[in-house]
N, C-alpha and C. Protein backbone atom coordinates (compact mmCIF):
# COMPACT_ATOMS: atom_id res chain seq x y z
N MET A 1 -6.61 11.66 5.35
CA MET A 1 -5.57 10.91 4.71
C MET A 1 -5.59 9.50 5.28
N THR A 2 -5.63 8.54 4.39
CA THR A 2 -5.67 7.16 4.85
C THR A 2 -4.34 6.48 4.60
N GLY A 3 -4.06 5.48 5.38
CA GLY A 3 -2.84 4.72 5.20
C GLY A 3 -1.64 5.39 5.83
N SER A 4 -0.52 4.77 5.66
CA SER A 4 0.72 5.25 6.24
C SER A 4 1.34 6.33 5.35
N THR A 5 2.01 7.26 5.98
CA THR A 5 2.70 8.30 5.21
C THR A 5 4.12 7.89 4.85
N ILE A 6 4.54 6.73 5.32
CA ILE A 6 5.89 6.25 5.02
C ILE A 6 5.92 5.69 3.61
N ASP A 7 6.82 6.15 2.81
CA ASP A 7 6.99 5.64 1.45
C ASP A 7 7.48 4.21 1.52
N THR A 8 6.82 3.32 0.78
CA THR A 8 7.18 1.90 0.88
C THR A 8 8.59 1.63 0.36
N GLU A 9 9.08 2.46 -0.55
CA GLU A 9 10.43 2.24 -1.07
C GLU A 9 11.49 2.53 -0.01
N ASN A 10 11.20 3.44 0.90
CA ASN A 10 12.18 3.81 1.91
C ASN A 10 11.90 3.20 3.28
N ALA A 11 10.88 2.35 3.37
CA ALA A 11 10.58 1.72 4.65
C ALA A 11 11.75 0.83 5.06
N ALA A 12 11.87 0.61 6.35
CA ALA A 12 13.04 -0.11 6.86
C ALA A 12 13.17 -1.51 6.28
N GLY A 13 12.06 -2.17 6.00
CA GLY A 13 12.12 -3.52 5.46
C GLY A 13 12.57 -3.58 4.02
N ASN A 14 12.45 -2.48 3.28
CA ASN A 14 12.78 -2.48 1.86
C ASN A 14 14.14 -1.89 1.54
N ARG A 15 14.86 -1.47 2.54
CA ARG A 15 16.17 -0.87 2.28
C ARG A 15 17.17 -1.94 1.88
N ARG A 16 17.98 -1.60 0.93
CA ARG A 16 19.04 -2.51 0.51
C ARG A 16 20.36 -1.98 1.06
N PRO A 17 21.22 -2.86 1.50
CA PRO A 17 22.52 -2.37 1.97
C PRO A 17 23.30 -1.75 0.82
N CYS A 18 23.95 -0.66 1.10
CA CYS A 18 24.73 0.03 0.09
C CYS A 18 26.05 -0.72 -0.11
N THR A 19 26.25 -1.22 -1.31
CA THR A 19 27.51 -1.90 -1.62
C THR A 19 28.18 -1.15 -2.75
N LEU A 20 29.46 -0.99 -2.63
CA LEU A 20 30.21 -0.32 -3.66
C LEU A 20 30.70 -1.34 -4.68
N ALA A 21 30.38 -1.11 -5.93
CA ALA A 21 30.82 -2.02 -6.98
C ALA A 21 32.33 -1.94 -7.17
N LYS A 22 32.93 -0.83 -6.74
CA LYS A 22 34.36 -0.66 -6.91
C LYS A 22 35.15 -1.73 -6.17
N ASP A 23 34.65 -2.17 -5.00
CA ASP A 23 35.35 -3.18 -4.22
C ASP A 23 35.41 -4.51 -4.96
N LYS A 24 34.39 -4.80 -5.76
CA LYS A 24 34.32 -6.09 -6.44
C LYS A 24 35.04 -6.08 -7.77
N ARG A 25 35.41 -4.94 -8.27
CA ARG A 25 36.01 -4.85 -9.59
C ARG A 25 37.53 -4.82 -9.52
N THR A 26 38.10 -5.78 -8.88
CA THR A 26 39.55 -5.87 -8.84
C THR A 26 39.97 -7.31 -9.13
N VAL A 27 41.12 -7.44 -9.72
CA VAL A 27 41.70 -8.74 -10.00
C VAL A 27 43.00 -8.82 -9.22
N LYS A 28 43.17 -9.89 -8.49
CA LYS A 28 44.41 -10.07 -7.73
C LYS A 28 45.53 -10.43 -8.70
N VAL A 29 46.70 -9.87 -8.43
CA VAL A 29 47.85 -10.08 -9.32
C VAL A 29 49.00 -10.66 -8.50
N GLN A 30 49.66 -11.64 -9.08
CA GLN A 30 50.84 -12.24 -8.45
C GLN A 30 52.05 -12.01 -9.35
N ALA A 31 53.20 -11.86 -8.71
CA ALA A 31 54.45 -11.80 -9.46
C ALA A 31 54.76 -13.19 -10.00
N SER A 32 55.77 -13.30 -10.82
CA SER A 32 56.10 -14.59 -11.42
C SER A 32 56.51 -15.63 -10.38
N ASN A 33 56.95 -15.18 -9.21
CA ASN A 33 57.33 -16.12 -8.15
C ASN A 33 56.16 -16.44 -7.22
N GLY A 34 54.98 -15.90 -7.48
CA GLY A 34 53.79 -16.20 -6.68
C GLY A 34 53.50 -15.21 -5.58
N GLN A 35 54.36 -14.21 -5.38
CA GLN A 35 54.13 -13.21 -4.35
C GLN A 35 53.02 -12.26 -4.80
N PRO A 36 52.06 -11.94 -3.91
CA PRO A 36 50.99 -11.02 -4.30
C PRO A 36 51.51 -9.59 -4.46
N ILE A 37 51.01 -8.90 -5.48
CA ILE A 37 51.32 -7.49 -5.69
C ILE A 37 50.00 -6.74 -5.81
N ASN A 38 50.04 -5.48 -6.19
CA ASN A 38 48.83 -4.66 -6.22
C ASN A 38 47.77 -5.25 -7.15
N PRO A 39 46.50 -5.23 -6.72
CA PRO A 39 45.43 -5.67 -7.61
C PRO A 39 45.23 -4.68 -8.76
N CYS A 40 44.59 -5.14 -9.82
CA CYS A 40 44.35 -4.27 -10.97
C CYS A 40 42.89 -4.37 -11.40
N HIS A 41 42.50 -3.53 -12.33
CA HIS A 41 41.16 -3.51 -12.90
C HIS A 41 41.00 -4.71 -13.84
N PRO A 42 39.80 -5.28 -13.94
CA PRO A 42 39.61 -6.43 -14.82
C PRO A 42 39.98 -6.17 -16.28
N ALA A 43 39.78 -4.94 -16.76
CA ALA A 43 40.15 -4.64 -18.15
C ALA A 43 41.66 -4.76 -18.34
N ARG A 44 42.42 -4.32 -17.36
CA ARG A 44 43.88 -4.43 -17.44
C ARG A 44 44.29 -5.91 -17.42
N ALA A 45 43.62 -6.70 -16.61
CA ALA A 45 43.93 -8.13 -16.55
C ALA A 45 43.63 -8.80 -17.89
N ARG A 46 42.53 -8.41 -18.53
CA ARG A 46 42.21 -8.97 -19.85
C ARG A 46 43.28 -8.60 -20.87
N GLN A 47 43.76 -7.36 -20.82
CA GLN A 47 44.82 -6.95 -21.75
C GLN A 47 46.08 -7.77 -21.53
N LEU A 48 46.46 -7.97 -20.28
CA LEU A 48 47.67 -8.74 -19.99
C LEU A 48 47.53 -10.19 -20.47
N LYS A 49 46.34 -10.78 -20.27
CA LYS A 49 46.13 -12.15 -20.73
C LYS A 49 46.12 -12.23 -22.25
N ARG A 50 45.49 -11.27 -22.90
CA ARG A 50 45.41 -11.26 -24.36
C ARG A 50 46.80 -11.15 -24.99
N LYS A 51 47.67 -10.36 -24.37
CA LYS A 51 49.02 -10.17 -24.89
C LYS A 51 49.98 -11.26 -24.39
N LYS A 52 49.43 -12.27 -23.70
CA LYS A 52 50.22 -13.39 -23.17
C LYS A 52 51.29 -12.94 -22.19
N ARG A 53 51.00 -11.89 -21.44
CA ARG A 53 51.92 -11.41 -20.41
C ARG A 53 51.55 -11.93 -19.03
N ALA A 54 50.37 -12.57 -18.95
CA ALA A 54 49.91 -13.11 -17.67
C ALA A 54 49.09 -14.37 -17.94
N VAL A 55 49.01 -15.22 -16.93
CA VAL A 55 48.19 -16.43 -17.00
C VAL A 55 47.25 -16.45 -15.80
N ARG A 56 46.09 -17.10 -15.99
CA ARG A 56 45.13 -17.20 -14.90
C ARG A 56 45.60 -18.27 -13.92
N VAL A 57 45.55 -17.93 -12.64
CA VAL A 57 45.97 -18.86 -11.60
C VAL A 57 44.74 -19.46 -10.92
N CYS A 58 43.79 -18.61 -10.58
CA CYS A 58 42.62 -19.04 -9.83
C CYS A 58 41.39 -18.35 -10.39
N ARG A 59 40.26 -19.04 -10.33
CA ARG A 59 39.03 -18.45 -10.87
C ARG A 59 38.25 -17.67 -9.82
N HIS A 60 38.19 -18.18 -8.59
CA HIS A 60 37.47 -17.51 -7.51
C HIS A 60 38.37 -17.39 -6.30
N PRO A 61 38.87 -16.25 -5.92
CA PRO A 61 38.81 -14.95 -6.61
C PRO A 61 39.73 -14.96 -7.83
N PHE A 62 39.32 -14.25 -8.85
CA PHE A 62 40.08 -14.26 -10.10
C PHE A 62 41.47 -13.70 -9.84
N THR A 63 42.47 -14.50 -10.16
CA THR A 63 43.86 -14.14 -9.90
C THR A 63 44.69 -14.44 -11.13
N ILE A 64 45.59 -13.52 -11.47
CA ILE A 64 46.50 -13.75 -12.58
C ILE A 64 47.93 -13.72 -12.07
N ARG A 65 48.81 -14.40 -12.79
CA ARG A 65 50.24 -14.39 -12.46
C ARG A 65 50.99 -13.84 -13.65
N LEU A 66 51.82 -12.84 -13.40
CA LEU A 66 52.61 -12.25 -14.48
C LEU A 66 53.69 -13.21 -14.93
N ARG A 67 53.94 -13.25 -16.21
CA ARG A 67 55.01 -14.10 -16.73
C ARG A 67 56.33 -13.39 -16.49
N ALA A 68 57.38 -14.14 -16.29
CA ALA A 68 58.67 -13.60 -15.87
C ALA A 68 59.25 -12.62 -16.88
N GLU A 69 59.14 -12.90 -18.18
CA GLU A 69 59.77 -12.05 -19.17
C GLU A 69 59.07 -10.70 -19.34
N HIS A 70 57.81 -10.61 -18.89
CA HIS A 70 57.06 -9.36 -19.04
C HIS A 70 56.73 -8.72 -17.70
N GLN A 71 57.25 -9.24 -16.62
CA GLN A 71 56.85 -8.80 -15.29
C GLN A 71 57.21 -7.34 -15.01
N THR A 72 58.41 -6.90 -15.34
CA THR A 72 58.81 -5.54 -14.99
C THR A 72 57.97 -4.51 -15.73
N GLU A 73 57.69 -4.76 -17.00
CA GLU A 73 56.88 -3.80 -17.77
C GLU A 73 55.45 -3.74 -17.23
N ALA A 74 54.86 -4.87 -16.92
CA ALA A 74 53.49 -4.89 -16.40
C ALA A 74 53.42 -4.25 -15.02
N MET A 75 54.42 -4.48 -14.18
CA MET A 75 54.41 -3.88 -12.85
C MET A 75 54.53 -2.37 -12.94
N GLN A 76 55.28 -1.86 -13.91
CA GLN A 76 55.39 -0.41 -14.08
C GLN A 76 54.03 0.18 -14.45
N HIS A 77 53.29 -0.50 -15.33
CA HIS A 77 51.96 -0.01 -15.69
C HIS A 77 51.04 -0.01 -14.48
N LEU A 78 51.08 -1.07 -13.67
CA LEU A 78 50.24 -1.14 -12.49
C LEU A 78 50.61 -0.05 -11.50
N TYR A 79 51.90 0.23 -11.36
CA TYR A 79 52.35 1.25 -10.42
C TYR A 79 51.88 2.63 -10.86
N PHE A 80 51.96 2.92 -12.15
CA PHE A 80 51.53 4.22 -12.65
C PHE A 80 50.02 4.38 -12.53
N GLU A 81 49.25 3.30 -12.67
CA GLU A 81 47.80 3.38 -12.51
C GLU A 81 47.44 3.74 -11.08
N ASP A 82 48.19 3.21 -10.10
CA ASP A 82 47.90 3.48 -8.70
C ASP A 82 48.19 4.93 -8.32
N GLN A 83 49.13 5.57 -8.99
CA GLN A 83 49.49 6.94 -8.62
C GLN A 83 48.54 7.98 -9.18
N THR A 84 47.74 7.64 -10.19
CA THR A 84 46.82 8.62 -10.75
C THR A 84 45.69 8.86 -9.77
N PRO A 85 45.30 10.12 -9.56
CA PRO A 85 44.24 10.41 -8.58
C PRO A 85 42.88 10.02 -9.06
């Protein structure tokens, strides 16, 4: 047998650090007064923006601020999403 028995895909130099995409898929959410609240999924943030219930505050990291008239309803949805296993 010639050559190394180490598979080149698993050799130490070719390993990639394991990163979880879940950590990157969150949008920071602020209450109407600017206080941070629970982050949400980007799809939920898009829904809130589309329905004009939130506005974009910052692009990096992407942050939205809930509008005052819709804040309680949106916070209830975020709270119920967090409780699901």
